[in-house]
Amino acid sequence: MGNRLSGKVAIVTGGNRGIGRAIAERLADEDAMVVVGDLRDDRSADSGSVERLTFMSLDVTKEASVRAF
């Protein structure tokens, strides 16, 4: 891919699986620094380039969790 997003930071909520994970990986392919927020903290849930993603616990229904994120 390219480096179109080099130097940019992307936050993907719900990015541990499925569509969110695909979006996170695509952003990483474009050289963005990607932070994934999800209820699940299981980094090995899907195959893929986990080393390119930073995972953090996030529950968007709880203000304290959003602030900590």
PDB file of N, CA and C in Angstrom:
ATOM      1  N   MET A   1       0.842  -1.178   0.000  1.00  0.00           N
ATOM      2  CA  MET A   1       0.000   0.000   0.000  1.00  0.00           C
ATOM      3  C   MET A   1       0.892   1.248   0.000  1.00  0.00           C
ATOM      4  N   GLY A   2       0.349   2.338   0.417  1.00  0.00           N
ATOM      5  CA  GLY A   2       1.114   3.568   0.391  1.00  0.00           C
ATOM      6  C   GLY A   2       1.400   4.085   1.774  1.00  0.00           C
ATOM      7  N   ASN A   3       1.804   5.309   1.841  1.00  0.00           N
ATOM      8  CA  ASN A   3       2.027   5.948   3.125  1.00  0.00           C
ATOM      9  C   ASN A   3       1.213   7.237   3.195  1.00  0.00           C
ATOM     10  N   ARG A   4       0.036   7.190   2.614  1.00  0.00           N
ATOM     11  CA  ARG A   4      -0.872   8.332   2.540  1.00  0.00           C
ATOM     12  C   ARG A   4      -1.197   8.910   3.907  1.00  0.00           C
ATOM     13  N   LEU A   5      -1.252   8.066   4.927  1.00  0.00           N
ATOM     14  CA  LEU A   5      -1.628   8.524   6.266  1.00  0.00           C
ATOM     15  C   LEU A   5      -0.444   8.556   7.230  1.00  0.00           C
ATOM     16  N   SER A   6       0.745   8.526   6.706  1.00  0.00           N
ATOM     17  CA  SER A   6       1.943   8.564   7.534  1.00  0.00           C
ATOM     18  C   SER A   6       1.924   9.811   8.419  1.00  0.00           C
ATOM     19  N   GLY A   7       2.179   9.621   9.701  1.00  0.00           N
ATOM     20  CA  GLY A   7       2.191  10.721  10.647  1.00  0.00           C
ATOM     21  C   GLY A   7       0.825  11.056  11.228  1.00  0.00           C
ATOM     22  N   LYS A   8      -0.198  10.348  10.794  1.00  0.00           N
ATOM     23  CA  LYS A   8      -1.558  10.580  11.294  1.00  0.00           C
ATOM     24  C   LYS A   8      -1.918   9.520  12.324  1.00  0.00           C
ATOM     25  N   VAL A   9      -2.820   9.870  13.246  1.00  0.00           N
ATOM     26  CA  VAL A   9      -3.317   8.937  14.254  1.00  0.00           C
ATOM     27  C   VAL A   9      -4.779   8.668  13.968  1.00  0.00           C
ATOM     28  N   ALA A  10      -5.164   7.402  13.974  1.00  0.00           N
ATOM     29  CA  ALA A  10      -6.559   7.005  13.762  1.00  0.00           C
ATOM     30  C   ALA A  10      -7.041   6.245  14.986  1.00  0.00           C
ATOM     31  N   ILE A  11      -8.253   6.567  15.434  1.00  0.00           N
ATOM     32  CA  ILE A  11      -8.881   5.840  16.532  1.00  0.00           C
ATOM     33  C   ILE A  11     -10.056   5.074  15.955  1.00  0.00           C
ATOM     34  N   VAL A  12     -10.087   3.775  16.211  1.00  0.00           N
ATOM     35  CA  VAL A  12     -11.178   2.931  15.721  1.00  0.00           C
ATOM     36  C   VAL A  12     -11.851   2.297  16.923  1.00  0.00           C
ATOM     37  N   THR A  13     -13.111   2.672  17.159  1.00  0.00           N
ATOM     38  CA  THR A  13     -13.858   2.054  18.253  1.00  0.00           C
ATOM     39  C   THR A  13     -14.530   0.805  17.725  1.00  0.00           C
ATOM     40  N   GLY A  14     -14.598  -0.219  18.564  1.00  0.00           N
ATOM     41  CA  GLY A  14     -15.163  -1.493  18.131  1.00  0.00           C
ATOM     42  C   GLY A  14     -14.286  -2.148  17.081  1.00  0.00           C
ATOM     43  N   GLY A  15     -12.999  -1.951  17.182  1.00  0.00           N
ATOM     44  CA  GLY A  15     -12.082  -2.389  16.136  1.00  0.00           C
ATOM     45  C   GLY A  15     -11.381  -3.704  16.381  1.00  0.00           C
ATOM     46  N   ASN A  16     -11.852  -4.497  17.330  1.00  0.00           N
ATOM     47  CA  ASN A  16     -11.180  -5.763  17.603  1.00  0.00           C
ATOM     48  C   ASN A  16     -11.582  -6.872  16.641  1.00  0.00           C
ATOM     49  N   ARG A  17     -12.767  -6.781  16.061  1.00  0.00           N
ATOM     50  CA  ARG A  17     -13.263  -7.827  15.167  1.00  0.00           C
ATOM     51  C   ARG A  17     -14.041  -7.226  14.001  1.00  0.00           C
ATOM     52  N   GLY A  18     -14.296  -8.052  13.026  1.00  0.00           N
ATOM     53  CA  GLY A  18     -15.208  -7.719  11.942  1.00  0.00           C
ATOM     54  C   GLY A  18     -14.823  -6.485  11.152  1.00  0.00           C
ATOM     55  N   ILE A  19     -15.842  -5.673  10.838  1.00  0.00           N
ATOM     56  CA  ILE A  19     -15.649  -4.485  10.016  1.00  0.00           C
ATOM     57  C   ILE A  19     -14.682  -3.510  10.675  1.00  0.00           C
ATOM     58  N   GLY A  20     -14.828  -3.315  11.992  1.00  0.00           N
ATOM     59  CA  GLY A  20     -13.928  -2.404  12.696  1.00  0.00           C
ATOM     60  C   GLY A  20     -12.480  -2.833  12.577  1.00  0.00           C
ATOM     61  N   ARG A  21     -12.232  -4.138  12.690  1.00  0.00           N
ATOM     62  CA  ARG A  21     -10.863  -4.663  12.563  1.00  0.00           C
ATOM     63  C   ARG A  21     -10.335  -4.449  11.153  1.00  0.00           C
ATOM     64  N   ALA A  22     -11.187  -4.675  10.148  1.00  0.00           N
ATOM     65  CA  ALA A  22     -10.767  -4.476   8.757  1.00  0.00           C
ATOM     66  C   ALA A  22     -10.403  -3.009   8.517  1.00  0.00           C
ATOM     67  N   ILE A  23     -11.190  -2.106   9.074  1.00  0.00           N
ATOM     68  CA  ILE A  23     -10.902  -0.671   8.941  1.00  0.00           C
ATOM     69  C   ILE A  23      -9.579  -0.336   9.617  1.00  0.00           C
ATOM     70  N   ALA A  24      -9.370  -0.851  10.829  1.00  0.00           N
ATOM     71  CA  ALA A  24      -8.127  -0.589  11.557  1.00  0.00           C
ATOM     72  C   ALA A  24      -6.916  -1.085  10.776  1.00  0.00           C
ATOM     73  N   GLU A  25      -7.020  -2.276  10.229  1.00  0.00           N
ATOM     74  CA  GLU A  25      -5.896  -2.830   9.474  1.00  0.00           C
ATOM     75  C   GLU A  25      -5.639  -2.046   8.190  1.00  0.00           C
ATOM     76  N   ARG A  26      -6.694  -1.598   7.535  1.00  0.00           N
ATOM     77  CA  ARG A  26      -6.528  -0.806   6.308  1.00  0.00           C
ATOM     78  C   ARG A  26      -5.835   0.530   6.625  1.00  0.00           C
ATOM     79  N   LEU A  27      -6.245   1.163   7.718  1.00  0.00           N
ATOM     80  CA  LEU A  27      -5.594   2.406   8.131  1.00  0.00           C
ATOM     81  C   LEU A  27      -4.115   2.168   8.416  1.00  0.00           C
ATOM     82  N   ALA A  28      -3.804   1.051   9.064  1.00  0.00           N
ATOM     83  CA  ALA A  28      -2.407   0.711   9.345  1.00  0.00           C
ATOM     84  C   ALA A  28      -1.646   0.452   8.041  1.00  0.00           C
ATOM     85  N   ASP A  29      -2.315  -0.162   7.064  1.00  0.00           N
ATOM     86  CA  ASP A  29      -1.686  -0.376   5.756  1.00  0.00           C
ATOM     87  C   ASP A  29      -1.297   0.940   5.099  1.00  0.00           C
ATOM     88  N   GLU A  30      -2.038   1.997   5.417  1.00  0.00           N
ATOM     89  CA  GLU A  30      -1.756   3.323   4.872  1.00  0.00           C
ATOM     90  C   GLU A  30      -0.798   4.103   5.782  1.00  0.00           C
ATOM     91  N   ASP A  31      -0.163   3.396   6.724  1.00  0.00           N
ATOM     92  CA  ASP A  31       0.864   3.937   7.621  1.00  0.00           C
ATOM     93  C   ASP A  31       0.347   4.843   8.730  1.00  0.00           C
ATOM     94  N   ALA A  32      -0.942   4.792   9.027  1.00  0.00           N
ATOM     95  CA  ALA A  32      -1.454   5.543  10.173  1.00  0.00           C
ATOM     96  C   ALA A  32      -1.079   4.805  11.454  1.00  0.00           C
ATOM     97  N   MET A  33      -0.905   5.543  12.531  1.00  0.00           N
ATOM     98  CA  MET A  33      -0.772   4.936  13.848  1.00  0.00           C
ATOM     99  C   MET A  33      -2.205   4.680  14.313  1.00  0.00           C
ATOM    100  N   VAL A  34      -2.569   3.422  14.563  1.00  0.00           N
ATOM    101  CA  VAL A  34      -3.952   3.062  14.842  1.00  0.00           C
ATOM    102  C   VAL A  34      -4.119   2.609  16.289  1.00  0.00           C
ATOM    103  N   VAL A  35      -5.058   3.257  16.978  1.00  0.00           N
ATOM    104  CA  VAL A  35      -5.414   2.878  18.337  1.00  0.00           C
ATOM    105  C   VAL A  35      -6.812   2.269  18.267  1.00  0.00           C
ATOM    106  N   VAL A  36      -6.920   1.028  18.714  1.00  0.00           N
ATOM    107  CA  VAL A  36      -8.187   0.296  18.679  1.00  0.00           C
ATOM    108  C   VAL A  36      -8.785   0.280  20.078  1.00  0.00           C
ATOM    109  N   GLY A  37     -10.010   0.779  20.201  1.00  0.00           N
ATOM    110  CA  GLY A  37     -10.739   0.736  21.463  1.00  0.00           C
ATOM    111  C   GLY A  37     -11.869  -0.265  21.352  1.00  0.00           C
ATOM    112  N   ASP A  38     -11.951  -1.184  22.308  1.00  0.00           N
ATOM    113  CA  ASP A  38     -12.978  -2.221  22.242  1.00  0.00           C
ATOM    114  C   ASP A  38     -13.233  -2.765  23.641  1.00  0.00           C
ATOM    115  N   LEU A  39     -14.436  -3.298  23.836  1.00  0.00           N
ATOM    116  CA  LEU A  39     -14.749  -3.962  25.101  1.00  0.00           C
ATOM    117  C   LEU A  39     -13.848  -5.170  25.312  1.00  0.00           C
ATOM    118  N   ARG A  40     -13.606  -5.885  24.244  1.00  0.00           N
ATOM    119  CA  ARG A  40     -12.738  -7.060  24.314  1.00  0.00           C
ATOM    120  C   ARG A  40     -11.295  -6.609  24.264  1.00  0.00           C
ATOM    121  N   ASP A  41     -10.488  -7.248  25.070  1.00  0.00           N
ATOM    122  CA  ASP A  41      -9.059  -6.940  25.068  1.00  0.00           C
ATOM    123  C   ASP A  41      -8.290  -8.153  24.555  1.00  0.00           C
ATOM    124  N   ASP A  42      -8.911  -8.920  23.685  1.00  0.00           N
ATOM    125  CA  ASP A  42      -8.311 -10.134  23.138  1.00  0.00           C
ATOM    126  C   ASP A  42      -7.658  -9.807  21.802  1.00  0.00           C
ATOM    127  N   ARG A  43      -6.392  -9.493  21.845  1.00  0.00           N
ATOM    128  CA  ARG A  43      -5.673  -9.058  20.652  1.00  0.00           C
ATOM    129  C   ARG A  43      -5.514 -10.155  19.612  1.00  0.00           C
ATOM    130  N   SER A  44      -5.671 -11.385  19.999  1.00  0.00           N
ATOM    131  CA  SER A  44      -5.471 -12.479  19.046  1.00  0.00           C
ATOM    132  C   SER A  44      -6.791 -13.018  18.505  1.00  0.00           C
ATOM    133  N   ALA A  45      -7.879 -12.294  18.700  1.00  0.00           N
ATOM    134  CA  ALA A  45      -9.203 -12.764  18.286  1.00  0.00           C
ATOM    135  C   ALA A  45      -9.262 -13.061  16.796  1.00  0.00           C
ATOM    136  N   ASP A  46      -8.684 -12.228  15.991  1.00  0.00           N
ATOM    137  CA  ASP A  46      -8.652 -12.430  14.546  1.00  0.00           C
ATOM    138  C   ASP A  46      -7.204 -12.478  14.108  1.00  0.00           C
ATOM    139  N   SER A  47      -6.968 -13.171  13.016  1.00  0.00           N
ATOM    140  CA  SER A  47      -5.620 -13.113  12.472  1.00  0.00           C
ATOM    141  C   SER A  47      -5.427 -11.741  11.857  1.00  0.00           C
ATOM    142  N   GLY A  48      -4.223 -11.394  11.602  1.00  0.00           N
ATOM    143  CA  GLY A  48      -3.954 -10.083  11.025  1.00  0.00           C
ATOM    144  C   GLY A  48      -2.698  -9.496  11.616  1.00  0.00           C
ATOM    145  N   SER A  49      -2.460  -8.269  11.309  1.00  0.00           N
ATOM    146  CA  SER A  49      -1.224  -7.616  11.722  1.00  0.00           C
ATOM    147  C   SER A  49      -1.411  -6.910  13.054  1.00  0.00           C
ATOM    148  N   VAL A  50      -1.500  -7.695  14.111  1.00  0.00           N
ATOM    149  CA  VAL A  50      -1.721  -7.158  15.452  1.00  0.00           C
ATOM    150  C   VAL A  50      -0.595  -6.225  15.858  1.00  0.00           C
ATOM    151  N   GLU A  51       0.610  -6.473  15.409  1.00  0.00           N
ATOM    152  CA  GLU A  51       1.744  -5.655  15.822  1.00  0.00           C
ATOM    153  C   GLU A  51       1.640  -4.215  15.310  1.00  0.00           C
ATOM    154  N   ARG A  52       0.818  -3.960  14.322  1.00  0.00           N
ATOM    155  CA  ARG A  52       0.662  -2.602  13.788  1.00  0.00           C
ATOM    156  C   ARG A  52      -0.428  -1.821  14.497  1.00  0.00           C
ATOM    157  N   LEU A  53      -1.132  -2.461  15.420  1.00  0.00           N
ATOM    158  CA  LEU A  53      -2.263  -1.831  16.089  1.00  0.00           C
ATOM    159  C   LEU A  53      -1.998  -1.731  17.587  1.00  0.00           C
ATOM    160  N   THR A  54      -2.450  -0.647  18.196  1.00  0.00           N
ATOM    161  CA  THR A  54      -2.380  -0.490  19.644  1.00  0.00           C
ATOM    162  C   THR A  54      -3.782  -0.696  20.189  1.00  0.00           C
ATOM    163  N   PHE A  55      -3.940  -1.621  21.138  1.00  0.00           N
ATOM    164  CA  PHE A  55      -5.249  -1.950  21.688  1.00  0.00           C
ATOM    165  C   PHE A  55      -5.424  -1.353  23.074  1.00  0.00           C
ATOM    166  N   MET A  56      -6.621  -0.810  23.314  1.00  0.00           N
ATOM    167  CA  MET A  56      -6.967  -0.284  24.632  1.00  0.00           C
ATOM    168  C   MET A  56      -8.400  -0.679  24.939  1.00  0.00           C
ATOM    169  N   SER A  57      -8.655  -0.931  26.197  1.00  0.00           N
ATOM    170  CA  SER A  57     -10.014  -1.244  26.627  1.00  0.00           C
ATOM    171  C   SER A  57     -10.863   0.013  26.540  1.00  0.00           C
ATOM    172  N   LEU A  58     -12.094  -0.129  26.011  1.00  0.00           N
ATOM    173  CA  LEU A  58     -12.984   1.016  25.869  1.00  0.00           C
ATOM    174  C   LEU A  58     -14.434   0.558  25.917  1.00  0.00           C
ATOM    175  N   ASP A  59     -15.196   1.181  26.797  1.00  0.00           N
ATOM    176  CA  ASP A  59     -16.644   0.977  26.855  1.00  0.00           C
ATOM    177  C   ASP A  59     -17.271   2.348  26.645  1.00  0.00           C
ATOM    178  N   VAL A  60     -17.792   2.591  25.442  1.00  0.00           N
ATOM    179  CA  VAL A  60     -18.299   3.922  25.111  1.00  0.00           C
ATOM    180  C   VAL A  60     -19.568   4.283  25.878  1.00  0.00           C
ATOM    181  N   THR A  61     -20.139   3.328  26.614  1.00  0.00           N
ATOM    182  CA  THR A  61     -21.326   3.625  27.426  1.00  0.00           C
ATOM    183  C   THR A  61     -20.950   4.145  28.808  1.00  0.00           C
ATOM    184  N   LYS A  62     -19.660   4.168  29.118  1.00  0.00           N
ATOM    185  CA  LYS A  62     -19.191   4.616  30.427  1.00  0.00           C
ATOM    186  C   LYS A  62     -18.242   5.803  30.257  1.00  0.00           C
ATOM    187  N   GLU A  63     -18.640   6.937  30.804  1.00  0.00           N
ATOM    188  CA  GLU A  63     -17.858   8.150  30.664  1.00  0.00           C
ATOM    189  C   GLU A  63     -16.430   7.974  31.165  1.00  0.00           C
ATOM    190  N   ALA A  64     -16.260   7.291  32.287  1.00  0.00           N
ATOM    191  CA  ALA A  64     -14.922   7.096  32.860  1.00  0.00           C
ATOM    192  C   ALA A  64     -14.029   6.316  31.892  1.00  0.00           C
ATOM    193  N   SER A  65     -14.605   5.343  31.213  1.00  0.00           N
ATOM    194  CA  SER A  65     -13.837   4.553  30.241  1.00  0.00           C
ATOM    195  C   SER A  65     -13.409   5.416  29.063  1.00  0.00           C
ATOM    196  N   VAL A  66     -14.317   6.257  28.587  1.00  0.00           N
ATOM    197  CA  VAL A  66     -14.000   7.138  27.459  1.00  0.00           C
ATOM    198  C   VAL A  66     -12.903   8.124  27.860  1.00  0.00           C
ATOM    199  N   ARG A  67     -13.005   8.688  29.052  1.00  0.00           N
ATOM    200  CA  ARG A  67     -11.992   9.622  29.534  1.00  0.00           C
ATOM    201  C   ARG A  67     -10.624   8.934  29.665  1.00  0.00           C
ATOM    202  N   ALA A  68     -10.617   7.724  30.195  1.00  0.00           N
ATOM    203  CA  ALA A  68      -9.358   6.976  30.351  1.00  0.00           C
ATOM    204  C   ALA A  68      -8.746   6.635  28.993  1.00  0.00           C
ATOM    205  N   PHE A  69      -9.587   6.358  28.047  1.00  0.00           N
ATOM    206  CA  PHE A  69      -9.125   6.019  26.709  1.00  0.00           C
ATOM    207  C   PHE A  69      -8.391   7.192  26.101  1.00  0.00           C
TER     208      PHE A  69
END
